Amino acid sequence: MIWTVLAITVGVVLITLYEWPKINQNQKKEKAAFVTLTAMGWLLSILLLYFPDMPGPTQMIEKLFKPLGKLLEK
């Protein structure tokens, strides 16, 4: 499993090395968004590797809004 984590990390690093020079130096917000989204994607892929039965974002939204839906039905 450590090899899979290493392969995912190498993939993320290669993507970053390819895309980073294409972003202008003046585009600080775009660079921050790129780093944030890339880090979140990397973290999510590692978490799904170790916890494959982890609930997805739609299940979280369903848990949040299900009580609201029941209130609106009445």
PDB file of N, CA and C in Angstrom:
ATOM      1  N   MET A   1       0.816  -1.181   0.000  1.00  0.00           N
ATOM      2  CA  MET A   1       0.000   0.000   0.000  1.00  0.00           C
ATOM      3  C   MET A   1       0.870   1.258   0.000  1.00  0.00           C
ATOM      4  N   ILE A   2       2.037   1.187   0.561  1.00  0.00           N
ATOM      5  CA  ILE A   2       2.922   2.350   0.575  1.00  0.00           C
ATOM      6  C   ILE A   2       3.354   2.713  -0.841  1.00  0.00           C
ATOM      7  N   TRP A   3       3.436   1.717  -1.707  1.00  0.00           N
ATOM      8  CA  TRP A   3       3.821   1.990  -3.099  1.00  0.00           C
ATOM      9  C   TRP A   3       2.712   2.748  -3.827  1.00  0.00           C
ATOM     10  N   THR A   4       1.494   2.462  -3.478  1.00  0.00           N
ATOM     11  CA  THR A   4       0.372   3.175  -4.090  1.00  0.00           C
ATOM     12  C   THR A   4       0.357   4.629  -3.641  1.00  0.00           C
ATOM     13  N   VAL A   5       0.618   4.865  -2.365  1.00  0.00           N
ATOM     14  CA  VAL A   5       0.706   6.234  -1.860  1.00  0.00           C
ATOM     15  C   VAL A   5       1.839   6.980  -2.560  1.00  0.00           C
ATOM     16  N   LEU A   6       2.952   6.307  -2.729  1.00  0.00           N
ATOM     17  CA  LEU A   6       4.091   6.907  -3.415  1.00  0.00           C
ATOM     18  C   LEU A   6       3.752   7.217  -4.876  1.00  0.00           C
ATOM     19  N   ALA A   7       3.047   6.309  -5.536  1.00  0.00           N
ATOM     20  CA  ALA A   7       2.661   6.532  -6.934  1.00  0.00           C
ATOM     21  C   ALA A   7       1.691   7.706  -7.060  1.00  0.00           C
ATOM     22  N   ILE A   8       0.751   7.823  -6.147  1.00  0.00           N
ATOM     23  CA  ILE A   8      -0.191   8.954  -6.156  1.00  0.00           C
ATOM     24  C   ILE A   8       0.569  10.259  -5.931  1.00  0.00           C
ATOM     25  N   THR A   9       1.510  10.251  -4.993  1.00  0.00           N
ATOM     26  CA  THR A   9       2.294  11.448  -4.697  1.00  0.00           C
ATOM     27  C   THR A   9       3.151  11.849  -5.899  1.00  0.00           C
ATOM     28  N   VAL A  10       3.766  10.891  -6.544  1.00  0.00           N
ATOM     29  CA  VAL A  10       4.569  11.186  -7.736  1.00  0.00           C
ATOM     30  C   VAL A  10       3.680  11.755  -8.841  1.00  0.00           C
ATOM     31  N   GLY A  11       2.488  11.214  -8.998  1.00  0.00           N
ATOM     32  CA  GLY A  11       1.553  11.739  -9.998  1.00  0.00           C
ATOM     33  C   GLY A  11       1.172  13.180  -9.714  1.00  0.00           C
ATOM     34  N   VAL A  12       0.907  13.490  -8.468  1.00  0.00           N
ATOM     35  CA  VAL A  12       0.550  14.857  -8.084  1.00  0.00           C
ATOM     36  C   VAL A  12       1.729  15.804  -8.314  1.00  0.00           C
ATOM     37  N   VAL A  13       2.918  15.352  -7.973  1.00  0.00           N
ATOM     38  CA  VAL A  13       4.108  16.182  -8.187  1.00  0.00           C
ATOM     39  C   VAL A  13       4.326  16.432  -9.677  1.00  0.00           C
ATOM     40  N   LEU A  14       4.156  15.414 -10.508  1.00  0.00           N
ATOM     41  CA  LEU A  14       4.326  15.596 -11.951  1.00  0.00           C
ATOM     42  C   LEU A  14       3.286  16.554 -12.529  1.00  0.00           C
ATOM     43  N   ILE A  15       2.056  16.432 -12.083  1.00  0.00           N
ATOM     44  CA  ILE A  15       1.013  17.352 -12.538  1.00  0.00           C
ATOM     45  C   ILE A  15       1.356  18.778 -12.123  1.00  0.00           C
ATOM     46  N   THR A  16       1.821  18.949 -10.891  1.00  0.00           N
ATOM     47  CA  THR A  16       2.179  20.279 -10.407  1.00  0.00           C
ATOM     48  C   THR A  16       3.353  20.853 -11.190  1.00  0.00           C
ATOM     49  N   LEU A  17       4.362  20.039 -11.446  1.00  0.00           N
ATOM     50  CA  LEU A  17       5.511  20.520 -12.217  1.00  0.00           C
ATOM     51  C   LEU A  17       5.119  20.899 -13.644  1.00  0.00           C
ATOM     52  N   TYR A  18       4.130  20.238 -14.207  1.00  0.00           N
ATOM     53  CA  TYR A  18       3.672  20.539 -15.556  1.00  0.00           C
ATOM     54  C   TYR A  18       2.807  21.799 -15.598  1.00  0.00           C
ATOM     55  N   GLU A  19       1.934  21.964 -14.620  1.00  0.00           N
ATOM     56  CA  GLU A  19       0.966  23.057 -14.645  1.00  0.00           C
ATOM     57  C   GLU A  19       1.475  24.351 -14.017  1.00  0.00           C
ATOM     58  N   TRP A  20       2.341  24.284 -13.025  1.00  0.00           N
ATOM     59  CA  TRP A  20       2.765  25.468 -12.292  1.00  0.00           C
ATOM     60  C   TRP A  20       3.394  26.545 -13.188  1.00  0.00           C
ATOM     61  N   PRO A  21       4.293  26.189 -14.107  1.00  0.00           N
ATOM     62  CA  PRO A  21       4.881  27.240 -14.951  1.00  0.00           C
ATOM     63  C   PRO A  21       3.860  27.909 -15.880  1.00  0.00           C
ATOM     64  N   LYS A  22       2.747  27.272 -16.149  1.00  0.00           N
ATOM     65  CA  LYS A  22       1.737  27.845 -17.034  1.00  0.00           C
ATOM     66  C   LYS A  22       0.920  28.937 -16.357  1.00  0.00           C
ATOM     67  N   ILE A  23       0.952  28.991 -15.025  1.00  0.00           N
ATOM     68  CA  ILE A  23       0.220  30.010 -14.279  1.00  0.00           C
ATOM     69  C   ILE A  23       1.143  31.216 -14.130  1.00  0.00           C
ATOM     70  N   ASN A  24       0.657  32.385 -14.538  1.00  0.00           N
ATOM     71  CA  ASN A  24       1.463  33.604 -14.446  1.00  0.00           C
ATOM     72  C   ASN A  24       1.813  33.921 -13.001  1.00  0.00           C
ATOM     73  N   GLN A  25       2.939  34.610 -12.813  1.00  0.00           N
ATOM     74  CA  GLN A  25       3.378  34.954 -11.462  1.00  0.00           C
ATOM     75  C   GLN A  25       2.418  35.919 -10.782  1.00  0.00           C
ATOM     76  N   ASN A  26       1.715  36.727 -11.563  1.00  0.00           N
ATOM     77  CA  ASN A  26       0.802  37.720 -10.993  1.00  0.00           C
ATOM     78  C   ASN A  26      -0.511  37.103 -10.512  1.00  0.00           C
ATOM     79  N   GLN A  27      -0.794  35.884 -10.905  1.00  0.00           N
ATOM     80  CA  GLN A  27      -2.064  35.241 -10.579  1.00  0.00           C
ATOM     81  C   GLN A  27      -1.950  34.498  -9.247  1.00  0.00           C
ATOM     82  N   LYS A  28      -1.924  35.259  -8.171  1.00  0.00           N
ATOM     83  CA  LYS A  28      -1.751  34.664  -6.837  1.00  0.00           C
ATOM     84  C   LYS A  28      -2.970  33.857  -6.410  1.00  0.00           C
ATOM     85  N   LYS A  29      -4.169  34.354  -6.712  1.00  0.00           N
ATOM     86  CA  LYS A  29      -5.382  33.631  -6.324  1.00  0.00           C
ATOM     87  C   LYS A  29      -5.503  32.325  -7.092  1.00  0.00           C
ATOM     88  N   GLU A  30      -5.130  32.328  -8.370  1.00  0.00           N
ATOM     89  CA  GLU A  30      -5.186  31.106  -9.166  1.00  0.00           C
ATOM     90  C   GLU A  30      -4.195  30.068  -8.644  1.00  0.00           C
ATOM     91  N   LYS A  31      -3.016  30.543  -8.250  1.00  0.00           N
ATOM     92  CA  LYS A  31      -2.023  29.626  -7.688  1.00  0.00           C
ATOM     93  C   LYS A  31      -2.503  29.047  -6.358  1.00  0.00           C
ATOM     94  N   ALA A  32      -3.124  29.889  -5.534  1.00  0.00           N
ATOM     95  CA  ALA A  32      -3.648  29.412  -4.253  1.00  0.00           C
ATOM     96  C   ALA A  32      -4.759  28.391  -4.484  1.00  0.00           C
ATOM     97  N   ALA A  33      -5.626  28.649  -5.452  1.00  0.00           N
ATOM     98  CA  ALA A  33      -6.700  27.702  -5.772  1.00  0.00           C
ATOM     99  C   ALA A  33      -6.125  26.393  -6.297  1.00  0.00           C
ATOM    100  N   PHE A  34      -5.102  26.483  -7.145  1.00  0.00           N
ATOM    101  CA  PHE A  34      -4.467  25.273  -7.685  1.00  0.00           C
ATOM    102  C   PHE A  34      -3.869  24.433  -6.570  1.00  0.00           C
ATOM    103  N   VAL A  35      -3.150  25.070  -5.662  1.00  0.00           N
ATOM    104  CA  VAL A  35      -2.517  24.337  -4.553  1.00  0.00           C
ATOM    105  C   VAL A  35      -3.588  23.724  -3.654  1.00  0.00           C
ATOM    106  N   THR A  36      -4.630  24.477  -3.364  1.00  0.00           N
ATOM    107  CA  THR A  36      -5.691  23.981  -2.487  1.00  0.00           C
ATOM    108  C   THR A  36      -6.406  22.795  -3.100  1.00  0.00           C
ATOM    109  N   LEU A  37      -6.811  22.917  -4.366  1.00  0.00           N
ATOM    110  CA  LEU A  37      -7.535  21.820  -5.014  1.00  0.00           C
ATOM    111  C   LEU A  37      -6.654  20.587  -5.219  1.00  0.00           C
ATOM    112  N   THR A  38      -5.391  20.814  -5.544  1.00  0.00           N
ATOM    113  CA  THR A  38      -4.474  19.686  -5.720  1.00  0.00           C
ATOM    114  C   THR A  38      -4.245  18.963  -4.394  1.00  0.00           C
ATOM    115  N   ALA A  39      -4.058  19.722  -3.329  1.00  0.00           N
ATOM    116  CA  ALA A  39      -3.840  19.107  -2.008  1.00  0.00           C
ATOM    117  C   ALA A  39      -5.085  18.361  -1.548  1.00  0.00           C
ATOM    118  N   MET A  40      -6.257  18.942  -1.785  1.00  0.00           N
ATOM    119  CA  MET A  40      -7.495  18.259  -1.391  1.00  0.00           C
ATOM    120  C   MET A  40      -7.688  16.976  -2.203  1.00  0.00           C
ATOM    121  N   GLY A  41      -7.371  17.014  -3.473  1.00  0.00           N
ATOM    122  CA  GLY A  41      -7.470  15.813  -4.302  1.00  0.00           C
ATOM    123  C   GLY A  41      -6.504  14.733  -3.855  1.00  0.00           C
ATOM    124  N   TRP A  42      -5.282  15.136  -3.527  1.00  0.00           N
ATOM    125  CA  TRP A  42      -4.291  14.181  -3.051  1.00  0.00           C
ATOM    126  C   TRP A  42      -4.748  13.556  -1.734  1.00  0.00           C
ATOM    127  N   LEU A  43      -5.226  14.397  -0.809  1.00  0.00           N
ATOM    128  CA  LEU A  43      -5.683  13.896   0.484  1.00  0.00           C
ATOM    129  C   LEU A  43      -6.879  12.958   0.331  1.00  0.00           C
ATOM    130  N   LEU A  44      -7.815  13.329  -0.519  1.00  0.00           N
ATOM    131  CA  LEU A  44      -8.981  12.481  -0.740  1.00  0.00           C
ATOM    132  C   LEU A  44      -8.581  11.129  -1.337  1.00  0.00           C
ATOM    133  N   SER A  45      -7.638  11.129  -2.264  1.00  0.00           N
ATOM    134  CA  SER A  45      -7.226   9.859  -2.853  1.00  0.00           C
ATOM    135  C   SER A  45      -6.521   8.965  -1.839  1.00  0.00           C
ATOM    136  N   ILE A  46      -5.732   9.551  -0.958  1.00  0.00           N
ATOM    137  CA  ILE A  46      -5.066   8.770   0.092  1.00  0.00           C
ATOM    138  C   ILE A  46      -6.094   8.228   1.084  1.00  0.00           C
ATOM    139  N   LEU A  47      -7.051   9.069   1.479  1.00  0.00           N
ATOM    140  CA  LEU A  47      -8.093   8.611   2.401  1.00  0.00           C
ATOM    141  C   LEU A  47      -8.923   7.483   1.794  1.00  0.00           C
ATOM    142  N   LEU A  48      -9.271   7.610   0.522  1.00  0.00           N
ATOM    143  CA  LEU A  48     -10.045   6.551  -0.124  1.00  0.00           C
ATOM    144  C   LEU A  48      -9.236   5.267  -0.290  1.00  0.00           C
ATOM    145  N   LEU A  49      -7.935   5.398  -0.356  1.00  0.00           N
ATOM    146  CA  LEU A  49      -7.079   4.210  -0.435  1.00  0.00           C
ATOM    147  C   LEU A  49      -7.127   3.432   0.881  1.00  0.00           C
ATOM    148  N   TYR A  50      -7.070   4.147   2.001  1.00  0.00           N
ATOM    149  CA  TYR A  50      -7.064   3.487   3.300  1.00  0.00           C
ATOM    150  C   TYR A  50      -8.466   3.169   3.818  1.00  0.00           C
ATOM    151  N   PHE A  51      -9.449   3.977   3.435  1.00  0.00           N
ATOM    152  CA  PHE A  51     -10.827   3.790   3.893  1.00  0.00           C
ATOM    153  C   PHE A  51     -11.763   3.764   2.685  1.00  0.00           C
ATOM    154  N   PRO A  52     -11.801   2.644   1.955  1.00  0.00           N
ATOM    155  CA  PRO A  52     -12.595   2.605   0.716  1.00  0.00           C
ATOM    156  C   PRO A  52     -14.104   2.715   0.940  1.00  0.00           C
ATOM    157  N   ASP A  53     -14.593   2.422   2.133  1.00  0.00           N
ATOM    158  CA  ASP A  53     -16.026   2.511   2.413  1.00  0.00           C
ATOM    159  C   ASP A  53     -16.420   3.856   3.017  1.00  0.00           C
ATOM    160  N   MET A  54     -15.543   4.828   2.901  1.00  0.00           N
ATOM    161  CA  MET A  54     -15.809   6.155   3.452  1.00  0.00           C
ATOM    162  C   MET A  54     -16.995   6.789   2.724  1.00  0.00           C
ATOM    163  N   PRO A  55     -17.907   7.409   3.471  1.00  0.00           N
ATOM    164  CA  PRO A  55     -19.057   8.032   2.813  1.00  0.00           C
ATOM    165  C   PRO A  55     -18.634   9.202   1.937  1.00  0.00           C
ATOM    166  N   GLY A  56     -19.354   9.377   0.848  1.00  0.00           N
ATOM    167  CA  GLY A  56     -19.051  10.442  -0.087  1.00  0.00           C
ATOM    168  C   GLY A  56     -19.740  11.740   0.272  1.00  0.00           C
ATOM    169  N   PRO A  57     -19.480  12.773  -0.500  1.00  0.00           N
ATOM    170  CA  PRO A  57     -20.074  14.078  -0.196  1.00  0.00           C
ATOM    171  C   PRO A  57     -21.597  14.094  -0.336  1.00  0.00           C
ATOM    172  N   THR A  58     -22.149  13.289  -1.236  1.00  0.00           N
ATOM    173  CA  THR A  58     -23.602  13.281  -1.388  1.00  0.00           C
ATOM    174  C   THR A  58     -24.279  12.690  -0.159  1.00  0.00           C
ATOM    175  N   GLN A  59     -23.655  11.720   0.468  1.00  0.00           N
ATOM    176  CA  GLN A  59     -24.217  11.143   1.681  1.00  0.00           C
ATOM    177  C   GLN A  59     -24.185  12.157   2.827  1.00  0.00           C
ATOM    178  N   MET A  60     -23.155  12.993   2.877  1.00  0.00           N
ATOM    179  CA  MET A  60     -23.086  14.024   3.901  1.00  0.00           C
ATOM    180  C   MET A  60     -24.194  15.063   3.682  1.00  0.00           C
ATOM    181  N   ILE A  61     -24.392  15.477   2.450  1.00  0.00           N
ATOM    182  CA  ILE A  61     -25.440  16.453   2.149  1.00  0.00           C
ATOM    183  C   ILE A  61     -26.810  15.872   2.452  1.00  0.00           C
ATOM    184  N   GLU A  62     -26.991  14.591   2.156  1.00  0.00           N
ATOM    185  CA  GLU A  62     -28.266  13.937   2.462  1.00  0.00           C
ATOM    186  C   GLU A  62     -28.536  13.942   3.962  1.00  0.00           C
ATOM    187  N   LYS A  63     -27.518  13.658   4.762  1.00  0.00           N
ATOM    188  CA  LYS A  63     -27.693  13.662   6.216  1.00  0.00           C
ATOM    189  C   LYS A  63     -28.023  15.065   6.727  1.00  0.00           C
ATOM    190  N   LEU A  64     -27.438  16.076   6.109  1.00  0.00           N
ATOM    191  CA  LEU A  64     -27.687  17.442   6.555  1.00  0.00           C
ATOM    192  C   LEU A  64     -29.091  17.920   6.207  1.00  0.00           C
ATOM    193  N   PHE A  65     -29.571  17.583   5.005  1.00  0.00           N
ATOM    194  CA  PHE A  65     -30.821  18.152   4.526  1.00  0.00           C
ATOM    195  C   PHE A  65     -32.032  17.248   4.662  1.00  0.00           C
ATOM    196  N   LYS A  66     -31.840  16.006   5.082  1.00  0.00           N
ATOM    197  CA  LYS A  66     -32.968  15.105   5.251  1.00  0.00           C
ATOM    198  C   LYS A  66     -33.945  15.612   6.315  1.00  0.00           C
ATOM    199  N   PRO A  67     -33.463  16.064   7.477  1.00  0.00           N
ATOM    200  CA  PRO A  67     -34.422  16.607   8.458  1.00  0.00           C
ATOM    201  C   PRO A  67     -35.157  17.841   7.928  1.00  0.00           C
ATOM    202  N   LEU A  68     -34.480  18.665   7.173  1.00  0.00           N
ATOM    203  CA  LEU A  68     -35.124  19.842   6.598  1.00  0.00           C
ATOM    204  C   LEU A  68     -36.208  19.432   5.607  1.00  0.00           C
ATOM    205  N   GLY A  69     -35.950  18.408   4.830  1.00  0.00           N
ATOM    206  CA  GLY A  69     -36.948  17.905   3.885  1.00  0.00           C
ATOM    207  C   GLY A  69     -38.170  17.364   4.595  1.00  0.00           C
ATOM    208  N   LYS A  70     -37.971  16.691   5.709  1.00  0.00           N
ATOM    209  CA  LYS A  70     -39.104  16.166   6.481  1.00  0.00           C
ATOM    210  C   LYS A  70     -39.940  17.306   7.067  1.00  0.00           C
ATOM    211  N   LEU A  71     -39.272  18.377   7.485  1.00  0.00           N
ATOM    212  CA  LEU A  71     -39.988  19.540   8.018  1.00  0.00           C
ATOM    213  C   LEU A  71     -40.822  20.213   6.928  1.00  0.00           C
ATOM    214  N   LEU A  72     -40.281  20.283   5.736  1.00  0.00           N
ATOM    215  CA  LEU A  72     -40.986  20.951   4.638  1.00  0.00           C
ATOM    216  C   LEU A  72     -42.154  20.116   4.121  1.00  0.00           C
ATOM    217  N   GLU A  73     -42.123  18.798   4.304  1.00  0.00           N
ATOM    218  CA  GLU A  73     -43.205  17.937   3.849  1.00  0.00           C
ATOM    219  C   GLU A  73     -44.469  18.155   4.671  1.00  0.00           C
ATOM    220  N   LYS A  74     -44.316  18.514   5.921  1.00  0.00           N
ATOM    221  CA  LYS A  74     -45.483  18.653   6.812  1.00  0.00           C
ATOM    222  C   LYS A  74     -46.252  19.897   6.556  1.00  0.00           C
TER     223      LYS A  74
END
